Amino acid sequence: MASFALIVILSVIGFISAYPSPEGYSSAFNFPFVTKEQWGGREARTSTPLNHPVQFVVIHHSYIPGVCLSRDECARSMRSMQNFHMNSNGWSDIGYNFAVGGEGSVYEGRGWDAVGAHAAGYNSNSIGIVLIGDFVSNLPPAVQMQTTQELIAAGVRLGYIRPNYMLIGHRQVSATECPGTRLFNEITNWNNFVRI
């Protein structure tokens, strides 16, 4: 009986070590990672599992709130977006899988494992990343764009995103200005961008 318990414990330890904790993303991929708990997010009402690896990465901008340049400001922006999505839209959680702040941190939304609500028709086969801010006329800060690309690379390395993923802007699959003209023009130069 004791040997069975030891096997179970070792199996759990092996499983946990195979998947880095969110805090571990920072050291492994060189960007700060802020969990939902750390930014004061509410728990999702419900969640649908996302099958990995996904084919698409969909880029968004928040438009409102505007760009945030400190951890506290970005945490407030995350809570504001989540409240709007859950209270006004009636969604089960914030719509995006992740957000990236203007100060270069990644903020956990629905995360790697839950289907988002950000691009109708693509949610079940994509990771949705919002860059916090209005990028119609201005580019995001350089660190915000760099962190976004590092987050995508992290998703590929962890097996959540296919190596041959397709990067698209929200406007390509919906009648919207999102992710803003300046940001959209920028991402057309990023790895794996496709016109669909």
N, C-alpha and C. Protein backbone atom coordinates (compact mmCIF):
# COMPACT_ATOMS: atom_id res chain seq x y z
N MET A 1 0.83 -1.21 0.00
CA MET A 1 0.00 0.00 0.00
C MET A 1 0.86 1.26 0.00
N ALA A 2 1.95 1.22 0.79
CA ALA A 2 2.84 2.38 0.86
C ALA A 2 3.51 2.63 -0.49
N SER A 3 3.86 1.53 -1.20
CA SER A 3 4.51 1.71 -2.51
C SER A 3 3.52 2.30 -3.52
N PHE A 4 2.25 1.94 -3.43
CA PHE A 4 1.24 2.52 -4.32
C PHE A 4 1.12 4.02 -4.07
N ALA A 5 1.07 4.42 -2.80
CA ALA A 5 0.97 5.84 -2.45
C ALA A 5 2.19 6.60 -2.97
N LEU A 6 3.37 5.99 -2.87
CA LEU A 6 4.60 6.63 -3.37
C LEU A 6 4.53 6.82 -4.89
N ILE A 7 4.01 5.83 -5.60
CA ILE A 7 3.87 5.92 -7.06
C ILE A 7 2.92 7.05 -7.43
N VAL A 8 1.80 7.18 -6.71
CA VAL A 8 0.84 8.25 -6.97
C VAL A 8 1.48 9.61 -6.74
N ILE A 9 2.20 9.76 -5.63
CA ILE A 9 2.85 11.04 -5.31
C ILE A 9 3.87 11.39 -6.38
N LEU A 10 4.69 10.44 -6.79
CA LEU A 10 5.70 10.70 -7.82
C LEU A 10 5.06 11.04 -9.15
N SER A 11 3.94 10.42 -9.47
CA SER A 11 3.23 10.72 -10.72
C SER A 11 2.71 12.15 -10.71
N VAL A 12 2.15 12.57 -9.58
CA VAL A 12 1.63 13.94 -9.47
C VAL A 12 2.77 14.94 -9.59
N ILE A 13 3.88 14.68 -8.91
CA ILE A 13 5.04 15.57 -8.99
C ILE A 13 5.54 15.66 -10.42
N GLY A 14 5.60 14.54 -11.12
CA GLY A 14 6.05 14.53 -12.52
C GLY A 14 5.12 15.32 -13.41
N PHE A 15 3.80 15.19 -13.18
CA PHE A 15 2.83 15.93 -13.98
C PHE A 15 2.98 17.44 -13.76
N ILE A 16 3.09 17.82 -12.50
CA ILE A 16 3.21 19.25 -12.17
C ILE A 16 4.48 19.83 -12.76
N SER A 17 5.58 19.11 -12.65
CA SER A 17 6.85 19.65 -13.16
C SER A 17 6.89 19.72 -14.67
N ALA A 18 6.04 18.94 -15.34
CA ALA A 18 6.01 18.97 -16.81
C ALA A 18 5.36 20.24 -17.34
N TYR A 19 4.55 20.90 -16.53
CA TYR A 19 3.86 22.11 -16.94
C TYR A 19 4.25 23.25 -16.01
N PRO A 20 5.01 24.21 -16.49
CA PRO A 20 5.45 25.30 -15.62
C PRO A 20 4.27 26.07 -15.04
N SER A 21 4.45 26.53 -13.81
CA SER A 21 3.43 27.37 -13.19
C SER A 21 3.41 28.71 -13.91
N PRO A 22 2.29 29.45 -13.81
CA PRO A 22 2.26 30.77 -14.44
C PRO A 22 3.44 31.65 -14.01
N GLU A 23 3.79 31.59 -12.72
CA GLU A 23 4.91 32.38 -12.25
C GLU A 23 6.20 31.98 -12.95
N GLY A 24 6.30 30.69 -13.32
CA GLY A 24 7.49 30.18 -14.00
C GLY A 24 7.64 30.69 -15.41
N TYR A 25 6.55 31.17 -16.02
CA TYR A 25 6.65 31.70 -17.38
C TYR A 25 7.61 32.88 -17.42
N SER A 26 7.62 33.66 -16.33
CA SER A 26 8.44 34.86 -16.30
C SER A 26 9.91 34.52 -16.50
N SER A 27 10.41 33.54 -15.75
CA SER A 27 11.83 33.20 -15.87
C SER A 27 12.10 32.40 -17.14
N ALA A 28 11.14 31.57 -17.54
CA ALA A 28 11.37 30.73 -18.72
C ALA A 28 11.29 31.53 -20.02
N PHE A 29 10.46 32.57 -20.05
CA PHE A 29 10.24 33.27 -21.30
C PHE A 29 10.48 34.77 -21.21
N ASN A 30 11.02 35.22 -20.07
CA ASN A 30 11.50 36.59 -19.97
C ASN A 30 10.41 37.65 -20.06
N PHE A 31 9.23 37.35 -19.49
CA PHE A 31 8.22 38.40 -19.35
C PHE A 31 7.50 38.22 -18.02
N PRO A 32 7.10 39.32 -17.39
CA PRO A 32 6.34 39.21 -16.14
C PRO A 32 4.94 38.67 -16.41
N PHE A 33 4.47 37.76 -15.56
CA PHE A 33 3.16 37.15 -15.72
C PHE A 33 2.33 37.44 -14.48
N VAL A 34 1.14 37.99 -14.67
CA VAL A 34 0.25 38.37 -13.57
C VAL A 34 -0.97 37.45 -13.63
N THR A 35 -1.15 36.64 -12.60
CA THR A 35 -2.29 35.71 -12.58
C THR A 35 -3.59 36.48 -12.35
N LYS A 36 -4.68 35.80 -12.65
CA LYS A 36 -6.00 36.40 -12.44
C LYS A 36 -6.19 36.80 -10.98
N GLU A 37 -5.73 35.94 -10.09
CA GLU A 37 -5.83 36.25 -8.66
C GLU A 37 -5.04 37.51 -8.32
N GLN A 38 -3.85 37.66 -8.90
CA GLN A 38 -3.00 38.80 -8.60
C GLN A 38 -3.59 40.12 -9.10
N TRP A 39 -4.33 40.11 -10.22
CA TRP A 39 -4.94 41.38 -10.67
C TRP A 39 -6.34 41.60 -10.11
N GLY A 40 -6.80 40.67 -9.28
CA GLY A 40 -8.09 40.85 -8.62
C GLY A 40 -9.27 40.40 -9.45
N GLY A 41 -9.05 39.44 -10.35
CA GLY A 41 -10.12 38.96 -11.21
C GLY A 41 -11.12 38.07 -10.49
N ARG A 42 -12.33 38.05 -11.00
CA ARG A 42 -13.36 37.17 -10.47
C ARG A 42 -13.23 35.79 -11.11
N GLU A 43 -13.73 34.79 -10.44
CA GLU A 43 -13.75 33.44 -11.02
C GLU A 43 -14.75 33.39 -12.16
N ALA A 44 -14.44 32.57 -13.16
CA ALA A 44 -15.37 32.37 -14.26
C ALA A 44 -16.63 31.67 -13.76
N ARG A 45 -17.77 32.05 -14.31
CA ARG A 45 -19.02 31.38 -13.94
C ARG A 45 -19.04 29.96 -14.47
N THR A 46 -18.59 29.82 -15.72
CA THR A 46 -18.46 28.51 -16.36
C THR A 46 -17.24 28.56 -17.27
N SER A 47 -16.82 27.39 -17.72
CA SER A 47 -15.64 27.33 -18.59
C SER A 47 -15.77 26.13 -19.53
N THR A 48 -15.39 26.34 -20.79
CA THR A 48 -15.37 25.25 -21.77
C THR A 48 -13.91 24.94 -22.10
N PRO A 49 -13.50 23.67 -21.98
CA PRO A 49 -12.10 23.33 -22.25
C PRO A 49 -11.70 23.65 -23.69
N LEU A 50 -10.50 24.18 -23.84
CA LEU A 50 -9.93 24.49 -25.15
C LEU A 50 -9.02 23.35 -25.57
N ASN A 51 -9.23 22.80 -26.76
CA ASN A 51 -8.38 21.72 -27.26
C ASN A 51 -7.08 22.29 -27.80
N HIS A 52 -5.98 21.67 -27.42
CA HIS A 52 -4.65 22.13 -27.83
C HIS A 52 -4.03 21.14 -28.82
N PRO A 53 -3.11 21.62 -29.62
CA PRO A 53 -2.72 23.01 -29.82
C PRO A 53 -3.68 23.72 -30.78
N VAL A 54 -3.86 25.02 -30.57
CA VAL A 54 -4.79 25.79 -31.41
C VAL A 54 -4.10 26.22 -32.70
N GLN A 55 -4.91 26.50 -33.71
CA GLN A 55 -4.39 26.90 -35.03
C GLN A 55 -4.21 28.41 -35.16
N PHE A 56 -5.04 29.19 -34.44
CA PHE A 56 -5.05 30.64 -34.63
C PHE A 56 -4.64 31.39 -33.36
N VAL A 57 -3.99 32.53 -33.59
CA VAL A 57 -3.78 33.54 -32.55
C VAL A 57 -4.45 34.80 -33.07
N VAL A 58 -5.39 35.32 -32.29
CA VAL A 58 -6.16 36.50 -32.71
C VAL A 58 -5.73 37.69 -31.85
N ILE A 59 -5.31 38.76 -32.52
CA ILE A 59 -4.84 39.96 -31.83
C ILE A 59 -5.96 41.00 -31.76
N HIS A 60 -6.10 41.60 -30.58
CA HIS A 60 -7.13 42.60 -30.30
C HIS A 60 -6.48 43.83 -29.67
N HIS A 61 -7.22 44.94 -29.66
CA HIS A 61 -6.89 46.04 -28.76
C HIS A 61 -8.13 46.31 -27.93
N SER A 62 -7.94 46.86 -26.73
CA SER A 62 -9.10 47.08 -25.86
C SER A 62 -9.89 48.32 -26.28
N TYR A 63 -9.23 49.26 -26.95
CA TYR A 63 -9.78 50.57 -27.30
C TYR A 63 -10.06 51.35 -26.01
N ILE A 64 -11.02 50.89 -25.24
CA ILE A 64 -11.25 51.40 -23.89
C ILE A 64 -11.21 50.18 -22.98
N PRO A 65 -10.40 50.19 -21.93
CA PRO A 65 -9.55 51.26 -21.42
C PRO A 65 -8.32 51.51 -22.30
N GLY A 66 -7.75 52.71 -22.10
CA GLY A 66 -6.56 53.09 -22.84
C GLY A 66 -5.32 52.36 -22.32
N VAL A 67 -4.20 52.67 -22.94
CA VAL A 67 -2.95 52.00 -22.58
C VAL A 67 -2.64 52.24 -21.10
N CYS A 68 -2.19 51.18 -20.43
CA CYS A 68 -1.83 51.25 -19.01
C CYS A 68 -0.32 51.09 -18.90
N LEU A 69 0.28 51.86 -18.01
CA LEU A 69 1.74 51.89 -17.93
C LEU A 69 2.29 51.51 -16.57
N SER A 70 1.44 50.96 -15.69
CA SER A 70 1.90 50.45 -14.40
C SER A 70 1.08 49.21 -14.06
N ARG A 71 1.61 48.38 -13.18
CA ARG A 71 0.91 47.15 -12.77
C ARG A 71 -0.45 47.48 -12.18
N ASP A 72 -0.51 48.49 -11.31
CA ASP A 72 -1.79 48.85 -10.68
C ASP A 72 -2.80 49.33 -11.71
N GLU A 73 -2.34 50.17 -12.63
CA GLU A 73 -3.24 50.70 -13.66
C GLU A 73 -3.74 49.57 -14.57
N CYS A 74 -2.85 48.66 -14.93
CA CYS A 74 -3.25 47.54 -15.79
C CYS A 74 -4.21 46.60 -15.06
N ALA A 75 -3.99 46.39 -13.76
CA ALA A 75 -4.90 45.55 -12.98
C ALA A 75 -6.31 46.17 -12.96
N ARG A 76 -6.37 47.49 -12.81
CA ARG A 76 -7.68 48.17 -12.86
C ARG A 76 -8.32 48.00 -14.23
N SER A 77 -7.51 48.09 -15.28
CA SER A 77 -8.04 47.89 -16.64
C SER A 77 -8.59 46.48 -16.82
N MET A 78 -7.89 45.49 -16.28
CA MET A 78 -8.36 44.11 -16.38
C MET A 78 -9.69 43.94 -15.65
N ARG A 79 -9.79 44.50 -14.46
CA ARG A 79 -11.05 44.39 -13.72
C ARG A 79 -12.19 45.10 -14.45
N SER A 80 -11.88 46.24 -15.04
CA SER A 80 -12.89 46.98 -15.80
C SER A 80 -13.39 46.17 -17.00
N MET A 81 -12.44 45.58 -17.75
CA MET A 81 -12.85 44.76 -18.91
C MET A 81 -13.64 43.55 -18.48
N GLN A 82 -13.19 42.87 -17.41
CA GLN A 82 -13.91 41.70 -16.95
C GLN A 82 -15.32 42.06 -16.49
N ASN A 83 -15.44 43.16 -15.74
CA ASN A 83 -16.78 43.58 -15.29
C ASN A 83 -17.69 43.88 -16.47
N PHE A 84 -17.18 44.56 -17.48
CA PHE A 84 -18.00 44.86 -18.66
C PHE A 84 -18.42 43.57 -19.37
N HIS A 85 -17.47 42.67 -19.57
CA HIS A 85 -17.78 41.44 -20.29
C HIS A 85 -18.80 40.58 -19.52
N MET A 86 -18.64 40.51 -18.20
CA MET A 86 -19.52 39.65 -17.40
C MET A 86 -20.86 40.33 -17.10
N ASN A 87 -20.84 41.62 -16.79
CA ASN A 87 -22.07 42.31 -16.38
C ASN A 87 -22.88 42.82 -17.56
N SER A 88 -22.21 43.47 -18.52
CA SER A 88 -22.95 44.05 -19.66
C SER A 88 -23.19 43.05 -20.77
N ASN A 89 -22.18 42.24 -21.08
CA ASN A 89 -22.32 41.26 -22.16
C ASN A 89 -22.94 39.95 -21.69
N GLY A 90 -22.90 39.71 -20.39
CA GLY A 90 -23.46 38.47 -19.85
C GLY A 90 -22.58 37.26 -20.08
N TRP A 91 -21.29 37.48 -20.34
CA TRP A 91 -20.37 36.37 -20.57
C TRP A 91 -19.96 35.75 -19.24
N SER A 92 -19.37 34.56 -19.32
CA SER A 92 -18.99 33.84 -18.10
C SER A 92 -17.70 34.37 -17.49
N ASP A 93 -16.93 35.17 -18.25
CA ASP A 93 -15.63 35.65 -17.78
C ASP A 93 -15.18 36.76 -18.72
N ILE A 94 -14.01 37.32 -18.48
CA ILE A 94 -13.39 38.22 -19.46
C ILE A 94 -13.25 37.43 -20.76
N GLY A 95 -13.39 38.08 -21.89
CA GLY A 95 -13.43 37.35 -23.15
C GLY A 95 -12.09 36.82 -23.64
N TYR A 96 -10.99 37.49 -23.28
CA TYR A 96 -9.67 37.16 -23.84
C TYR A 96 -8.96 36.08 -23.03
N ASN A 97 -8.11 35.35 -23.70
CA ASN A 97 -7.27 34.38 -23.00
C ASN A 97 -6.18 35.09 -22.21
N PHE A 98 -5.61 36.13 -22.82
CA PHE A 98 -4.55 36.90 -22.17
C PHE A 98 -4.65 38.36 -22.59
N ALA A 99 -4.07 39.22 -21.76
CA ALA A 99 -3.92 40.64 -22.08
C ALA A 99 -2.46 41.01 -21.87
N VAL A 100 -2.02 42.03 -22.59
CA VAL A 100 -0.66 42.53 -22.42
C VAL A 100 -0.74 44.02 -22.13
N GLY A 101 -0.12 44.43 -21.03
CA GLY A 101 -0.13 45.82 -20.63
C GLY A 101 0.98 46.62 -21.29
N GLY A 102 0.83 47.94 -21.27
CA GLY A 102 1.81 48.82 -21.87
C GLY A 102 3.13 48.83 -21.14
N GLU A 103 3.15 48.27 -19.92
CA GLU A 103 4.39 48.19 -19.16
C GLU A 103 5.12 46.87 -19.39
N GLY A 104 4.52 46.00 -20.25
CA GLY A 104 5.21 44.77 -20.66
C GLY A 104 4.87 43.52 -19.89
N SER A 105 3.81 43.53 -19.08
CA SER A 105 3.40 42.33 -18.36
C SER A 105 2.27 41.62 -19.09
N VAL A 106 2.22 40.30 -18.93
CA VAL A 106 1.11 39.50 -19.43
C VAL A 106 0.12 39.30 -18.28
N TYR A 107 -1.16 39.51 -18.57
CA TYR A 107 -2.22 39.35 -17.58
C TYR A 107 -3.09 38.17 -17.99
N GLU A 108 -3.25 37.24 -17.07
CA GLU A 108 -4.04 36.04 -17.33
C GLU A 108 -5.52 36.41 -17.43
N GLY A 109 -6.16 35.98 -18.53
CA GLY A 109 -7.60 36.10 -18.67
C GLY A 109 -8.19 34.72 -18.48
N ARG A 110 -8.71 34.15 -19.56
CA ARG A 110 -9.22 32.77 -19.47
C ARG A 110 -8.08 31.75 -19.48
N GLY A 111 -6.89 32.20 -19.86
CA GLY A 111 -5.72 31.32 -19.82
C GLY A 111 -5.65 30.39 -21.02
N TRP A 112 -4.72 29.45 -20.93
CA TRP A 112 -4.46 28.52 -22.03
C TRP A 112 -5.56 27.49 -22.22
N ASP A 113 -6.28 27.17 -21.14
CA ASP A 113 -7.12 25.97 -21.16
C ASP A 113 -8.61 26.20 -21.38
N ALA A 114 -9.06 27.45 -21.50
CA ALA A 114 -10.49 27.72 -21.65
C ALA A 114 -10.78 28.43 -22.96
N VAL A 115 -11.87 28.04 -23.61
CA VAL A 115 -12.32 28.71 -24.83
C VAL A 115 -12.68 30.16 -24.48
N GLY A 116 -12.19 31.09 -25.29
CA GLY A 116 -12.46 32.51 -25.07
C GLY A 116 -13.77 32.95 -25.71
N ALA A 117 -14.05 34.25 -25.57
CA ALA A 117 -15.20 34.89 -26.21
C ALA A 117 -14.68 36.19 -26.81
N HIS A 118 -13.97 36.07 -27.92
CA HIS A 118 -13.29 37.25 -28.47
C HIS A 118 -13.39 37.34 -29.99
N ALA A 119 -13.63 36.23 -30.67
CA ALA A 119 -13.71 36.24 -32.13
C ALA A 119 -14.67 35.14 -32.57
N ALA A 120 -15.92 35.50 -32.80
CA ALA A 120 -16.95 34.52 -33.14
C ALA A 120 -16.52 33.67 -34.32
N GLY A 121 -16.71 32.36 -34.18
CA GLY A 121 -16.33 31.41 -35.21
C GLY A 121 -14.90 30.91 -35.08
N TYR A 122 -14.09 31.56 -34.25
CA TYR A 122 -12.68 31.20 -34.07
C TYR A 122 -12.32 30.89 -32.63
N ASN A 123 -13.22 31.14 -31.70
CA ASN A 123 -12.91 30.99 -30.28
C ASN A 123 -12.43 29.60 -29.91
N SER A 124 -13.02 28.57 -30.49
CA SER A 124 -12.70 27.20 -30.09
C SER A 124 -11.40 26.69 -30.70
N ASN A 125 -10.75 27.49 -31.54
CA ASN A 125 -9.49 27.05 -32.15
C ASN A 125 -8.46 28.18 -32.13
N SER A 126 -8.53 29.02 -31.07
CA SER A 126 -7.61 30.16 -31.02
C SER A 126 -7.29 30.56 -29.60
N ILE A 127 -6.22 31.31 -29.50
CA ILE A 127 -5.88 32.06 -28.29
C ILE A 127 -6.09 33.52 -28.63
N GLY A 128 -6.90 34.21 -27.84
CA GLY A 128 -7.16 35.63 -28.06
C GLY A 128 -6.31 36.48 -27.13
N ILE A 129 -5.52 37.38 -27.71
CA ILE A 129 -4.64 38.24 -26.93
C ILE A 129 -5.03 39.70 -27.20
N VAL A 130 -5.34 40.41 -26.13
CA VAL A 130 -5.67 41.83 -26.25
C VAL A 130 -4.49 42.67 -25.76
N LEU A 131 -4.11 43.65 -26.55
CA LEU A 131 -3.14 44.64 -26.10
C LEU A 131 -3.97 45.78 -25.52
N ILE A 132 -3.76 46.07 -24.25
CA ILE A 132 -4.58 47.07 -23.57
C ILE A 132 -4.23 48.46 -24.11
N GLY A 133 -5.23 49.11 -24.71
CA GLY A 133 -5.04 50.45 -25.25
C GLY A 133 -5.79 50.65 -26.55
N ASP A 134 -5.76 51.89 -27.02
CA ASP A 134 -6.38 52.29 -28.28
C ASP A 134 -5.28 52.46 -29.31
N PHE A 135 -5.27 51.59 -30.32
CA PHE A 135 -4.19 51.60 -31.30
C PHE A 135 -4.69 51.86 -32.72
N VAL A 136 -5.69 52.74 -32.80
CA VAL A 136 -6.20 53.19 -34.10
C VAL A 136 -5.17 54.10 -34.75
N SER A 137 -4.67 55.07 -34.01
CA SER A 137 -3.76 56.07 -34.57
C SER A 137 -2.33 55.94 -34.09
N ASN A 138 -2.11 55.27 -32.97
CA ASN A 138 -0.77 55.14 -32.39
C ASN A 138 -0.40 53.68 -32.22
N LEU A 139 0.89 53.40 -32.34
CA LEU A 139 1.39 52.07 -32.06
C LEU A 139 1.45 51.83 -30.55
N PRO A 140 1.32 50.58 -30.12
CA PRO A 140 1.55 50.27 -28.71
C PRO A 140 3.02 50.52 -28.36
N PRO A 141 3.33 50.68 -27.07
CA PRO A 141 4.73 50.75 -26.67
C PRO A 141 5.49 49.52 -27.17
N ALA A 142 6.76 49.70 -27.50
CA ALA A 142 7.57 48.60 -28.05
C ALA A 142 7.58 47.40 -27.13
N VAL A 143 7.67 47.62 -25.80
CA VAL A 143 7.73 46.51 -24.86
C VAL A 143 6.42 45.71 -24.88
N GLN A 144 5.31 46.37 -25.13
CA GLN A 144 4.01 45.69 -25.19
C GLN A 144 3.96 44.76 -26.40
N MET A 145 4.47 45.22 -27.52
CA MET A 145 4.47 44.37 -28.73
C MET A 145 5.47 43.23 -28.58
N GLN A 146 6.63 43.50 -27.98
CA GLN A 146 7.64 42.45 -27.79
C GLN A 146 7.10 41.36 -26.87
N THR A 147 6.46 41.77 -25.77
CA THR A 147 5.91 40.79 -24.83
C THR A 147 4.83 39.95 -25.50
N THR A 148 4.01 40.56 -26.34
CA THR A 148 2.96 39.82 -27.05
C THR A 148 3.58 38.72 -27.90
N GLN A 149 4.65 39.05 -28.61
CA GLN A 149 5.32 38.04 -29.44
C GLN A 149 5.98 36.97 -28.59
N GLU A 150 6.52 37.35 -27.43
CA GLU A 150 7.11 36.36 -26.52
C GLU A 150 6.05 35.44 -25.93
N LEU A 151 4.85 35.99 -25.66
CA LEU A 151 3.76 35.16 -25.16
C LEU A 151 3.35 34.12 -26.19
N ILE A 152 3.26 34.53 -27.45
CA ILE A 152 2.92 33.58 -28.52
C ILE A 152 3.99 32.49 -28.60
N ALA A 153 5.26 32.89 -28.55
CA ALA A 153 6.35 31.92 -28.59
C ALA A 153 6.26 30.96 -27.40
N ALA A 154 5.88 31.47 -26.23
CA ALA A 154 5.71 30.62 -25.05
C ALA A 154 4.62 29.59 -25.30
N GLY A 155 3.52 30.04 -25.89
CA GLY A 155 2.41 29.12 -26.19
C GLY A 155 2.82 28.02 -27.13
N VAL A 156 3.67 28.35 -28.10
CA VAL A 156 4.17 27.33 -29.04
C VAL A 156 5.06 26.34 -28.28
N ARG A 157 5.99 26.86 -27.49
CA ARG A 157 6.93 25.98 -26.77
C ARG A 157 6.23 25.07 -25.78
N LEU A 158 5.15 25.57 -25.16
CA LEU A 158 4.41 24.78 -24.18
C LEU A 158 3.41 23.82 -24.83
N GLY A 159 3.24 23.92 -26.15
CA GLY A 159 2.34 23.01 -26.85
C GLY A 159 0.89 23.45 -26.89
N TYR A 160 0.61 24.70 -26.52
CA TYR A 160 -0.75 25.21 -26.56
C TYR A 160 -1.12 25.78 -27.93
N ILE A 161 -0.10 26.22 -28.67
CA ILE A 161 -0.29 26.82 -30.00
C ILE A 161 0.53 26.02 -30.99
N ARG A 162 -0.03 25.72 -32.15
CA ARG A 162 0.71 24.97 -33.17
C ARG A 162 1.92 25.77 -33.66
N PRO A 163 3.01 25.08 -33.97
CA PRO A 163 4.18 25.79 -34.51
C PRO A 163 3.85 26.53 -35.81
N ASN A 164 2.93 26.00 -36.60
CA ASN A 164 2.54 26.63 -37.86
C ASN A 164 1.24 27.43 -37.70
N TYR A 165 1.06 28.05 -36.53
CA TYR A 165 -0.15 28.82 -36.23
C TYR A 165 -0.36 29.93 -37.26
N MET A 166 -1.57 30.43 -37.32
CA MET A 166 -1.91 31.57 -38.17
C MET A 166 -2.25 32.75 -37.28
N LEU A 167 -1.54 33.85 -37.46
CA LEU A 167 -1.75 35.08 -36.71
C LEU A 167 -2.69 35.98 -37.51
N ILE A 168 -3.76 36.44 -36.85
CA ILE A 168 -4.72 37.32 -37.52
C ILE A 168 -5.14 38.44 -36.58
N GLY A 169 -5.64 39.52 -37.18
CA GLY A 169 -6.26 40.59 -36.42
C GLY A 169 -7.75 40.36 -36.35
N HIS A 170 -8.37 40.79 -35.28
CA HIS A 170 -9.81 40.58 -35.08
C HIS A 170 -10.64 41.06 -36.27
N ARG A 171 -10.23 42.17 -36.89
CA ARG A 171 -11.00 42.73 -38.01
C ARG A 171 -11.09 41.79 -39.20
N GLN A 172 -10.20 40.82 -39.29
CA GLN A 172 -10.22 39.89 -40.42
C GLN A 172 -11.36 38.89 -40.33
N VAL A 173 -11.93 38.73 -39.14
CA VAL A 173 -12.99 37.73 -38.97
C VAL A 173 -14.28 38.33 -38.40
N SER A 174 -14.32 39.66 -38.26
CA SER A 174 -15.49 40.31 -37.72
C SER A 174 -15.54 41.75 -38.22
N ALA A 175 -16.74 42.32 -38.29
CA ALA A 175 -16.90 43.70 -38.75
C ALA A 175 -16.54 44.66 -37.61
N THR A 176 -15.25 44.90 -37.46
CA THR A 176 -14.76 45.74 -36.37
C THR A 176 -13.49 46.45 -36.79
N GLU A 177 -13.17 47.52 -36.11
CA GLU A 177 -11.92 48.23 -36.35
C GLU A 177 -10.76 47.56 -35.60
N CYS A 178 -11.08 46.76 -34.63
CA CYS A 178 -10.10 46.06 -33.79
C CYS A 178 -9.15 45.21 -34.65
N PRO A 179 -7.87 45.24 -34.41
CA PRO A 179 -7.13 45.77 -33.26
C PRO A 179 -6.61 47.20 -33.44
N GLY A 180 -7.27 48.00 -34.23
CA GLY A 180 -6.82 49.35 -34.52
C GLY A 180 -5.91 49.35 -35.74
N THR A 181 -6.03 50.38 -36.56
CA THR A 181 -5.31 50.41 -37.84
C THR A 181 -3.80 50.35 -37.67
N ARG A 182 -3.26 51.13 -36.73
CA ARG A 182 -1.80 51.14 -36.56
C ARG A 182 -1.28 49.78 -36.10
N LEU A 183 -1.98 49.18 -35.12
CA LEU A 183 -1.54 47.87 -34.64
C LEU A 183 -1.75 46.81 -35.71
N PHE A 184 -2.88 46.85 -36.42
CA PHE A 184 -3.10 45.86 -37.47
C PHE A 184 -2.00 45.93 -38.53
N ASN A 185 -1.66 47.15 -38.97
CA ASN A 185 -0.59 47.28 -39.96
C ASN A 185 0.73 46.73 -39.44
N GLU A 186 0.97 46.89 -38.14
CA GLU A 186 2.20 46.37 -37.54
C GLU A 186 2.22 44.85 -37.54
N ILE A 187 1.12 44.21 -37.14
CA ILE A 187 1.15 42.75 -37.03
C ILE A 187 1.23 42.06 -38.39
N THR A 188 0.94 42.78 -39.47
CA THR A 188 1.11 42.16 -40.80
C THR A 188 2.58 41.82 -41.05
N ASN A 189 3.49 42.38 -40.25
CA ASN A 189 4.92 42.09 -40.38
C ASN A 189 5.40 41.04 -39.38
N TRP A 190 4.52 40.54 -38.52
CA TRP A 190 4.92 39.57 -37.50
C TRP A 190 4.94 38.17 -38.10
N ASN A 191 5.66 37.29 -37.43
CA ASN A 191 5.73 35.88 -37.85
C ASN A 191 4.33 35.27 -37.95
N ASN A 192 4.13 34.51 -38.99
CA ASN A 192 2.93 33.70 -39.20
C ASN A 192 1.66 34.50 -39.47
N PHE A 193 1.77 35.80 -39.73
CA PHE A 193 0.57 36.56 -40.10
C PHE A 193 0.03 36.03 -41.42
N VAL A 194 -1.30 35.89 -41.50
CA VAL A 194 -1.93 35.43 -42.74
C VAL A 194 -3.09 36.36 -43.09
N ARG A 195 -3.34 36.50 -44.37
CA ARG A 195 -4.51 37.24 -44.84
C ARG A 195 -5.61 36.24 -45.15
N ILE A 196 -6.74 36.38 -44.49
CA ILE A 196 -7.85 35.43 -44.72
C ILE A 196 -9.11 36.21 -45.06
